[in-house]
Amino acid sequence: MTVRKYISIFCLVTALFAVNISEAYVISDDAEHIYGNYIEDEYANGVRSWDNPLLSRIQKELVEMNPTTLNFKDGAHSRYLYPIKESSVNEVDAVTLPSGRIFLSTQMIDYVMTIPSIEKIDYHNLAAYNEESFWQYSMLAAVIAHETSHWYNRDFQRKIDELYGEAGLKKLLGSDWNNPSSDNILALMTDIAYNQTAKNAQFSVAGEYLADKQALTFLNNSTKFSPGSLVSFLYRLDKHEKRYDLKGVDIAVENEYNPHPDTLERIRRLEKLISEHSNGRVTFNNQKFYLDGQPFMGTGVIKGNDRVSTIDRTYFVAGQIADIIHNGELGSGKFAFTEVYTTDNIHNADIKDIYLTCADGDTRYFKVIDRLKIKPNEARYLMGDDTRPSGYEYSYDAQLAKYIATYK
């Protein structure tokens, strides 16, 4: 019997209460690392893993954008994130092991990097595996932010406190649980795996909601990652989870032990949180985005293109707009275009591939709202640097930029 069999069950189980990251736990931070080292070794016995530069850049950016809550090993913190890894797990899978070890399977990466058709994921239609795949890059960040939240929320330590406590650990492992042997760790993980109780399931469900909520904070603090990408990922997951073999997804379970929250309920809660972040100005209904009670761009959806689906783009922009509102920037006129391949402002540049951004030099607030593909000269027309010819009709993306930049 090995720990590997129980990792997926364990990683889904978390506590029901709000997190207090300053309190002491039965299992210390040092012991959590010992447990994590052993469990990672067991995980590696059956799963190959390796560095992925794209995942590493996303993780590094999340840490840099959240310096007060996220960190790597720096000598100043007893807990820290380990470098993220890609794994060979033959499933669409993301997992967080104790003390900050995160693995995303190759299938998960491919799943996120697709540009979906209306009815199915098309693995023949993949975005480029780099930052220029703007919306897919954000969706990968949303998955990583969710997994990072399980570490930040101390799921392992809180679970042990709630299900065992000091007395329970003494009974199971003896008095030296903070300096565990491999046999003790195996005994604990085995016990966790077989603890198929309603209480255990409730911890897991609540923990997933809690990780979703914390992930939004990490994403809101970033420049290019949108909280809306987590919602559109879950819509993607809901549409396809019955079709694909996803670890931990057990749609048919009817008994009281089902440690998996309903995907649509997770979506509903996230949409509500994004709306609250915007002071109620951003709302959603039937996968449509409303701003101040009116369908955004008149339809409630933002058209997709050969680089992104409609739903992924709609939710990305909605999440960014919500944060711009939260920071008091919508209607400020502090919008600009930035050329995709440089950091230069492009008032006079005749280019077609641009980012629409919101920047406030006084507060140092900066948010990338969307990536646009516009017609020649449109950047100059939009910035007022050139006169638009009589009767000229803007492209859809130029209309979108104008709509956002001039919204009152």
Protein backbone atom coordinates (compact mmCIF):
# COMPACT_ATOMS: atom_id res chain seq x y z
CA MET A 1 0.00 0.00 0.00
CA THR A 2 1.46 3.40 -1.00
CA VAL A 3 0.65 7.03 -0.34
CA ARG A 4 0.31 7.59 -4.10
CA LYS A 5 -3.14 5.98 -4.05
CA TYR A 6 -4.45 8.48 -1.54
CA ILE A 7 -3.02 11.77 -2.74
CA SER A 8 -5.98 12.74 -4.91
CA ILE A 9 -8.42 12.05 -2.09
CA PHE A 10 -6.36 13.91 0.48
CA CYS A 11 -5.80 16.98 -1.65
CA LEU A 12 -9.52 17.58 -2.01
CA VAL A 13 -10.21 17.65 1.73
CA THR A 14 -10.05 20.96 3.61
CA ALA A 15 -11.65 22.65 6.57
CA LEU A 16 -14.98 24.36 6.80
CA PHE A 17 -14.06 27.49 8.76
CA ALA A 18 -12.49 30.78 7.71
CA VAL A 19 -8.70 30.72 7.60
CA ASN A 20 -6.55 32.20 10.33
CA ILE A 21 -3.04 31.91 8.94
CA SER A 22 -1.37 33.18 12.11
CA GLU A 23 -2.62 30.52 14.52
CA ALA A 24 -0.60 27.50 15.64
CA TYR A 25 -1.41 24.10 14.22
CA VAL A 26 -0.99 20.60 15.57
CA ILE A 27 1.41 19.83 12.73
CA SER A 28 4.14 22.49 12.63
CA ASP A 29 5.43 24.17 9.49
CA ASP A 30 8.67 22.16 9.71
CA ALA A 31 6.73 18.92 10.05
CA GLU A 32 4.56 19.85 7.09
CA HIS A 33 7.70 20.01 4.95
CA ILE A 34 8.76 16.57 6.18
CA TYR A 35 5.35 15.14 5.33
CA GLY A 36 5.45 16.93 1.99
CA ASN A 37 8.88 15.55 1.11
CA TYR A 38 7.75 11.99 1.73
CA ILE A 39 4.46 12.38 -0.11
CA GLU A 40 6.21 13.98 -3.09
CA ASP A 41 8.65 11.05 -3.20
CA GLU A 42 5.73 8.62 -3.23
CA TYR A 43 3.99 10.68 -5.88
CA ALA A 44 7.13 10.62 -8.00
CA ASN A 45 7.32 6.83 -7.78
CA GLY A 46 4.38 6.54 -10.15
CA VAL A 47 4.43 9.90 -11.94
CA ARG A 48 7.18 11.60 -13.89
CA SER A 49 7.46 15.36 -13.43
CA TRP A 50 9.64 18.11 -14.88
CA ASP A 51 10.06 21.88 -15.08
CA ASN A 52 7.82 23.75 -17.51
CA PRO A 53 9.05 27.30 -18.28
CA LEU A 54 5.54 28.56 -19.09
CA LEU A 55 4.12 27.34 -15.77
CA SER A 56 7.16 28.68 -13.94
CA ARG A 57 6.70 32.15 -15.40
CA ILE A 58 3.05 32.19 -14.37
CA GLN A 59 3.85 31.05 -10.83
CA LYS A 60 6.64 33.63 -10.55
CA GLU A 61 4.31 36.38 -11.75
CA LEU A 62 1.64 35.40 -9.22
CA VAL A 63 4.22 35.56 -6.42
CA GLU A 64 5.57 38.92 -7.61
CA MET A 65 2.05 40.37 -7.80
CA ASN A 66 1.17 39.10 -4.32
CA PRO A 67 4.33 39.81 -2.29
CA THR A 68 2.61 39.97 1.10
CA THR A 69 0.94 36.58 0.78
CA LEU A 70 3.02 34.44 -1.60
CA ASN A 71 6.71 33.60 -1.48
CA PHE A 72 9.37 31.14 -2.52
CA LYS A 73 12.10 29.95 -0.16
CA ASP A 74 13.81 33.12 1.03
CA GLY A 75 14.98 32.39 4.56
CA ALA A 76 12.33 34.68 6.03
CA HIS A 77 9.32 32.36 5.88
CA SER A 78 8.71 28.96 7.44
CA ARG A 79 6.40 28.07 4.58
CA TYR A 80 7.09 28.64 0.90
CA LEU A 81 6.02 27.54 -2.54
CA TYR A 82 8.17 25.02 -4.36
CA PRO A 83 8.75 25.48 -8.11
CA ILE A 84 5.70 24.21 -9.98
CA LYS A 85 6.04 21.07 -12.11
CA GLU A 86 4.36 19.51 -15.11
CA SER A 87 3.40 15.87 -14.53
CA SER A 88 2.73 12.81 -16.65
CA VAL A 89 -0.55 11.96 -14.90
CA ASN A 90 -2.77 10.55 -17.64
CA GLU A 91 -5.72 12.76 -16.72
CA VAL A 92 -6.78 16.40 -16.77
CA ASP A 93 -5.29 16.99 -13.35
CA ALA A 94 -3.99 19.67 -11.00
CA VAL A 95 -2.82 18.77 -7.51
CA THR A 96 -1.29 20.50 -4.49
CA LEU A 97 0.75 18.39 -2.07
CA PRO A 98 1.56 19.53 1.48
CA SER A 99 3.85 22.54 1.90
CA GLY A 100 3.42 24.11 -1.50
CA ARG A 101 4.19 21.51 -4.15
CA ILE A 102 1.97 21.98 -7.21
CA PHE A 103 1.72 19.72 -10.26
CA LEU A 104 -0.27 20.27 -13.46
CA SER A 105 -0.61 17.37 -15.86
CA THR A 106 0.22 17.66 -19.53
CA GLN A 107 -3.43 16.91 -20.25
CA MET A 108 -4.51 19.83 -18.04
CA ILE A 109 -2.18 22.18 -19.89
CA ASP A 110 -3.45 20.98 -23.27
CA TYR A 111 -7.03 21.24 -22.02
CA VAL A 112 -6.55 24.88 -21.08
CA MET A 113 -4.59 25.82 -24.18
CA THR A 114 -7.31 24.74 -26.61
CA ILE A 115 -9.52 27.24 -28.40
CA PRO A 116 -12.87 25.50 -27.91
CA SER A 117 -15.51 25.13 -30.55
CA ILE A 118 -19.11 25.61 -29.46
CA GLU A 119 -19.78 22.00 -28.57
CA LYS A 120 -16.46 20.40 -27.68
CA ILE A 121 -12.82 20.83 -26.80
CA ASP A 122 -10.81 20.54 -30.01
CA TYR A 123 -7.29 19.36 -29.23
CA HIS A 124 -6.35 20.04 -32.86
CA ASN A 125 -7.03 23.74 -32.29
CA LEU A 126 -4.37 24.76 -29.78
CA ALA A 127 -3.07 28.19 -28.93
CA ALA A 128 0.66 28.78 -28.89
CA TYR A 129 2.26 27.69 -25.61
CA ASN A 130 3.52 31.12 -24.59
CA GLU A 131 2.40 34.43 -23.07
CA GLU A 132 1.10 35.70 -26.38
CA SER A 133 -1.83 33.28 -26.03
CA PHE A 134 -3.29 35.96 -23.83
CA TRP A 135 -6.55 34.43 -22.62
CA GLN A 136 -5.26 30.86 -22.29
CA TYR A 137 -2.25 32.17 -20.34
CA SER A 138 -4.67 33.81 -17.91
CA MET A 139 -6.71 30.61 -17.61
CA LEU A 140 -3.59 28.61 -16.73
CA ALA A 141 -2.84 31.29 -14.13
CA ALA A 142 -6.35 30.88 -12.72
CA VAL A 143 -5.85 27.12 -12.28
CA ILE A 144 -2.46 27.71 -10.64
CA ALA A 145 -3.92 30.46 -8.42
CA HIS A 146 -6.60 28.04 -7.22
CA GLU A 147 -4.00 25.38 -6.41
CA THR A 148 -1.78 27.98 -4.73
CA SER A 149 -4.74 28.96 -2.56
CA HIS A 150 -4.90 25.44 -1.13
CA TRP A 151 -1.33 26.00 0.09
CA TYR A 152 -2.01 29.53 1.31
CA ASN A 153 -5.11 28.36 3.17
CA ARG A 154 -3.02 25.66 4.91
CA ASP A 155 -5.37 22.87 3.91
CA PHE A 156 -3.15 20.07 5.19
CA GLN A 157 -2.59 21.57 8.63
CA ARG A 158 -6.21 22.65 9.04
CA LYS A 159 -7.50 19.25 7.97
CA ILE A 160 -5.36 17.50 10.55
CA ASP A 161 -6.58 19.91 13.24
CA GLU A 162 -10.22 19.41 12.35
CA LEU A 163 -10.30 15.65 11.82
CA TYR A 164 -7.73 14.57 14.41
CA GLY A 165 -6.36 17.25 16.70
CA GLU A 166 -3.53 16.50 19.09
CA ALA A 167 -5.34 13.68 20.84
CA GLY A 168 -6.28 11.99 17.57
CA LEU A 169 -2.73 12.17 16.23
CA LYS A 170 -1.32 10.72 19.45
CA LYS A 171 -3.73 7.83 19.19
CA LEU A 172 -2.88 7.20 15.55
CA LEU A 173 0.84 8.01 15.41
CA GLY A 174 2.17 8.29 18.93
CA SER A 175 3.60 11.39 20.53
CA ASP A 176 6.28 12.21 17.93
CA TRP A 177 4.08 13.24 15.00
CA ASN A 178 6.09 16.43 14.32
CA ASN A 179 9.16 14.27 13.58
CA PRO A 180 7.37 11.58 11.62
CA SER A 181 8.73 8.35 10.28
CA SER A 182 7.71 7.10 6.84
CA ASP A 183 5.51 4.53 8.56
CA ASN A 184 3.73 7.27 10.50
CA ILE A 185 3.14 9.33 7.37
CA LEU A 186 1.80 6.30 5.54
CA ALA A 187 -0.50 5.51 8.47
CA LEU A 188 -1.87 9.05 8.51
CA MET A 189 -2.41 9.25 4.75
CA THR A 190 -4.08 5.83 4.74
CA ASP A 191 -6.41 6.92 7.52
CA ILE A 192 -7.25 10.12 5.66
CA ALA A 193 -7.99 8.18 2.48
CA TYR A 194 -10.43 5.87 4.22
CA ASN A 195 -12.15 8.61 6.22
CA GLN A 196 -15.15 8.66 3.90
CA THR A 197 -17.50 10.52 6.20
CA ALA A 198 -19.94 13.34 5.66
CA LYS A 199 -17.73 15.62 7.78
CA ASN A 200 -14.73 14.88 5.60
CA ALA A 201 -16.73 15.57 2.45
CA GLN A 202 -18.06 18.83 3.88
CA PHE A 203 -14.49 19.97 4.58
CA SER A 204 -13.53 19.29 1.00
CA VAL A 205 -16.47 21.10 -0.54
CA ALA A 206 -15.97 24.15 1.66
CA GLY A 207 -12.25 24.10 0.94
CA GLU A 208 -12.80 24.26 -2.80
CA TYR A 209 -15.07 27.28 -2.37
CA LEU A 210 -12.46 28.88 -0.12
CA ALA A 211 -9.67 28.24 -2.65
CA ASP A 212 -11.79 29.75 -5.42
CA LYS A 213 -12.36 32.86 -3.35
CA GLN A 214 -8.68 33.30 -2.45
CA ALA A 215 -7.68 32.70 -6.07
CA LEU A 216 -9.74 35.73 -7.11
CA THR A 217 -7.67 37.89 -4.77
CA PHE A 218 -4.41 36.62 -6.27
CA LEU A 219 -5.73 37.24 -9.80
CA ASN A 220 -7.15 40.69 -9.03
CA ASN A 221 -3.72 41.75 -7.80
CA SER A 222 -2.12 40.80 -11.10
CA THR A 223 -1.68 42.79 -14.30
CA LYS A 224 -2.54 40.28 -17.03
CA PHE A 225 -4.48 37.57 -15.19
CA SER A 226 -8.25 37.93 -14.87
CA PRO A 227 -10.51 36.42 -12.20
CA GLY A 228 -13.00 35.89 -15.00
CA SER A 229 -10.67 33.24 -16.43
CA LEU A 230 -11.37 31.00 -13.44
CA VAL A 231 -15.10 31.22 -14.17
CA SER A 232 -14.73 30.42 -17.86
CA PHE A 233 -12.45 27.50 -16.97
CA LEU A 234 -15.19 26.11 -14.73
CA TYR A 235 -17.76 26.56 -17.50
CA ARG A 236 -15.41 24.61 -19.74
CA LEU A 237 -15.05 21.96 -17.06
CA ASP A 238 -18.78 21.72 -16.46
CA LYS A 239 -19.46 21.24 -20.16
CA HIS A 240 -16.93 18.47 -20.53
CA GLU A 241 -16.50 16.76 -17.17
CA LYS A 242 -18.91 13.98 -18.11
CA ARG A 243 -17.00 13.40 -21.34
CA TYR A 244 -13.48 13.28 -20.00
CA ASP A 245 -11.87 11.22 -17.27
CA LEU A 246 -11.16 13.92 -14.72
CA LYS A 247 -9.55 12.99 -11.43
CA GLY A 248 -11.96 13.32 -8.54
CA VAL A 249 -15.05 13.99 -10.66
CA ASP A 250 -17.74 11.51 -9.66
CA ILE A 251 -20.97 12.78 -11.13
CA ALA A 252 -23.02 9.72 -10.24
CA VAL A 253 -22.34 9.74 -6.50
CA GLU A 254 -25.57 10.14 -4.58
CA ASN A 255 -24.46 9.24 -1.04
CA GLU A 256 -23.40 11.65 1.68
CA TYR A 257 -19.71 11.21 0.95
CA ASN A 258 -19.08 13.26 -2.15
CA PRO A 259 -16.08 15.56 -1.62
CA HIS A 260 -16.64 17.51 -4.83
CA PRO A 261 -18.64 20.73 -4.96
CA ASP A 262 -21.07 21.18 -7.80
CA THR A 263 -19.29 23.01 -10.61
CA LEU A 264 -22.24 25.26 -11.42
CA GLU A 265 -22.49 26.27 -7.76
CA ARG A 266 -18.80 27.20 -7.81
CA ILE A 267 -19.50 29.33 -10.89
CA ARG A 268 -22.47 31.03 -9.25
CA ARG A 269 -20.40 31.92 -6.19
CA LEU A 270 -17.51 33.25 -8.25
CA GLU A 271 -19.79 35.38 -10.40
CA LYS A 272 -21.27 36.82 -7.21
CA LEU A 273 -17.80 37.57 -5.80
CA ILE A 274 -16.73 39.33 -9.00
CA SER A 275 -19.93 41.36 -8.92
CA GLU A 276 -19.33 42.33 -5.28
CA HIS A 277 -15.77 43.36 -6.15
CA SER A 278 -17.25 45.83 -8.66
CA ASN A 279 -19.71 47.22 -6.10
CA GLY A 280 -22.51 45.43 -7.95
CA ARG A 281 -21.89 47.14 -11.28
CA VAL A 282 -20.70 44.00 -13.08
CA THR A 283 -23.28 41.22 -13.15
CA PHE A 284 -23.85 37.99 -15.07
CA ASN A 285 -26.85 36.15 -16.41
CA ASN A 286 -26.82 33.07 -18.62
CA GLN A 287 -23.12 33.50 -19.48
CA LYS A 288 -23.70 37.14 -20.41
CA PHE A 289 -21.92 40.14 -18.93
CA TYR A 290 -23.91 43.19 -17.79
CA LEU A 291 -22.45 46.55 -16.79
CA ASP A 292 -24.70 48.84 -14.75
CA GLY A 293 -27.67 46.64 -15.66
CA GLN A 294 -27.13 46.83 -19.42
CA PRO A 295 -25.70 44.11 -21.68
CA PHE A 296 -22.06 44.94 -22.29
CA MET A 297 -21.49 46.03 -25.91
CA GLY A 298 -25.25 45.72 -26.39
CA THR A 299 -25.21 41.92 -26.47
CA GLY A 300 -23.68 40.86 -23.16
CA VAL A 301 -21.00 38.86 -24.95
CA ILE A 302 -17.71 39.80 -26.57
CA LYS A 303 -17.10 38.16 -29.90
CA GLY A 304 -14.43 35.50 -30.07
CA ASN A 305 -11.98 35.06 -32.91
CA ASP A 306 -9.46 32.53 -34.15
CA ARG A 307 -7.44 33.08 -30.97
CA VAL A 308 -10.13 32.83 -28.28
CA SER A 309 -13.68 31.61 -27.70
CA THR A 310 -16.52 34.02 -26.97
CA ILE A 311 -17.05 32.84 -23.39
CA ASP A 312 -13.35 32.95 -22.48
CA ARG A 313 -12.99 36.48 -23.83
CA THR A 314 -16.24 37.72 -22.28
CA TYR A 315 -15.34 36.55 -18.79
CA PHE A 316 -11.74 37.73 -19.08
CA VAL A 317 -12.83 41.29 -19.86
CA ALA A 318 -15.63 41.20 -17.27
CA GLY A 319 -13.15 40.27 -14.53
CA GLN A 320 -10.76 43.05 -15.54
CA ILE A 321 -13.53 45.64 -15.74
CA ALA A 322 -14.72 44.64 -12.26
CA ASP A 323 -11.25 45.30 -10.83
CA ILE A 324 -10.94 48.60 -12.71
CA ILE A 325 -14.23 49.67 -11.14
CA HIS A 326 -13.04 48.48 -7.73
CA ASN A 327 -10.00 50.74 -8.06
CA GLY A 328 -12.04 53.72 -9.23
CA GLU A 329 -10.56 53.84 -12.72
CA LEU A 330 -13.52 53.20 -15.03
CA GLY A 331 -14.48 56.45 -16.72
CA SER A 332 -11.20 58.07 -15.70
CA GLY A 333 -9.92 58.31 -19.25
CA LYS A 334 -6.70 56.58 -18.22
CA PHE A 335 -6.81 54.06 -21.02
CA ALA A 336 -4.11 53.45 -23.57
CA PHE A 337 -2.95 51.07 -26.25
CA THR A 338 0.29 49.14 -25.88
CA GLU A 339 1.91 47.28 -28.73
CA VAL A 340 1.95 43.55 -27.98
CA TYR A 341 5.64 43.05 -28.67
CA THR A 342 6.99 46.10 -26.80
CA THR A 343 6.09 48.18 -23.75
CA ASP A 344 5.82 51.41 -25.73
CA ASN A 345 2.73 53.55 -25.89
CA ILE A 346 1.52 53.69 -29.48
CA HIS A 347 -0.31 56.97 -30.03
CA ASN A 348 1.20 57.30 -33.47
CA ALA A 349 1.98 53.72 -34.37
CA ASP A 350 0.29 52.11 -37.32
CA ILE A 351 -0.08 48.64 -35.85
CA LYS A 352 -2.81 46.03 -35.72
CA ASP A 353 -2.08 43.82 -32.69
CA ILE A 354 -2.40 45.73 -29.42
CA TYR A 355 -3.29 45.51 -25.76
CA LEU A 356 -5.95 47.80 -24.33
CA THR A 357 -4.74 48.86 -20.90
CA CYS A 358 -5.76 51.01 -17.95
CA ALA A 359 -2.89 52.82 -16.25
CA ASP A 360 -2.78 55.34 -13.41
CA GLY A 361 0.66 56.84 -12.87
CA ASP A 362 -0.32 58.33 -9.51
CA THR A 363 -1.42 55.07 -7.91
CA ARG A 364 0.77 52.83 -10.11
CA TYR A 365 -2.33 50.84 -11.00
CA PHE A 366 -1.97 48.97 -14.27
CA LYS A 367 -4.34 46.43 -15.80
CA VAL A 368 -4.39 44.80 -19.23
CA ILE A 369 -8.04 44.68 -20.29
CA ASP A 370 -7.93 42.81 -23.59
CA ARG A 371 -5.89 41.99 -26.64
CA LEU A 372 -7.22 43.52 -29.83
CA LYS A 373 -6.69 42.94 -33.51
CA ILE A 374 -7.63 46.11 -35.36
CA LYS A 375 -7.41 47.41 -38.91
CA PRO A 376 -4.54 49.57 -40.23
CA ASN A 377 -4.61 53.17 -38.92
CA GLU A 378 -7.34 52.46 -36.35
CA ALA A 379 -5.00 52.98 -33.40
CA ARG A 380 -4.30 56.51 -34.66
CA TYR A 381 -7.98 57.20 -35.18
CA LEU A 382 -8.89 55.92 -31.71
CA MET A 383 -6.18 57.98 -30.02
CA GLY A 384 -7.20 61.11 -31.91
CA ASP A 385 -3.85 61.39 -33.64
CA ASP A 386 -5.37 61.28 -37.10
CA THR A 387 -8.71 62.15 -38.69
CA ARG A 388 -10.99 59.25 -39.38
CA PRO A 389 -12.14 59.29 -43.04
CA SER A 390 -15.76 60.15 -43.66
CA GLY A 391 -17.98 57.08 -43.45
CA TYR A 392 -15.25 54.92 -41.98
CA GLU A 393 -16.57 51.94 -39.94
CA TYR A 394 -14.48 50.71 -37.07
CA SER A 395 -13.65 47.01 -36.75
CA TYR A 396 -15.34 45.11 -33.92
CA ASP A 397 -12.24 45.22 -31.71
CA ALA A 398 -11.83 48.94 -32.30
CA GLN A 399 -15.48 49.45 -31.30
CA LEU A 400 -14.82 47.39 -28.16
CA ALA A 401 -11.83 49.55 -27.24
CA LYS A 402 -13.80 52.73 -27.79
CA TYR A 403 -16.74 51.40 -25.75
CA ILE A 404 -14.52 50.64 -22.77
CA ALA A 405 -12.34 53.73 -22.94
CA THR A 406 -15.23 56.18 -23.21
CA TYR A 407 -17.63 54.48 -20.78
CA LYS A 408 -18.98 56.85 -18.14
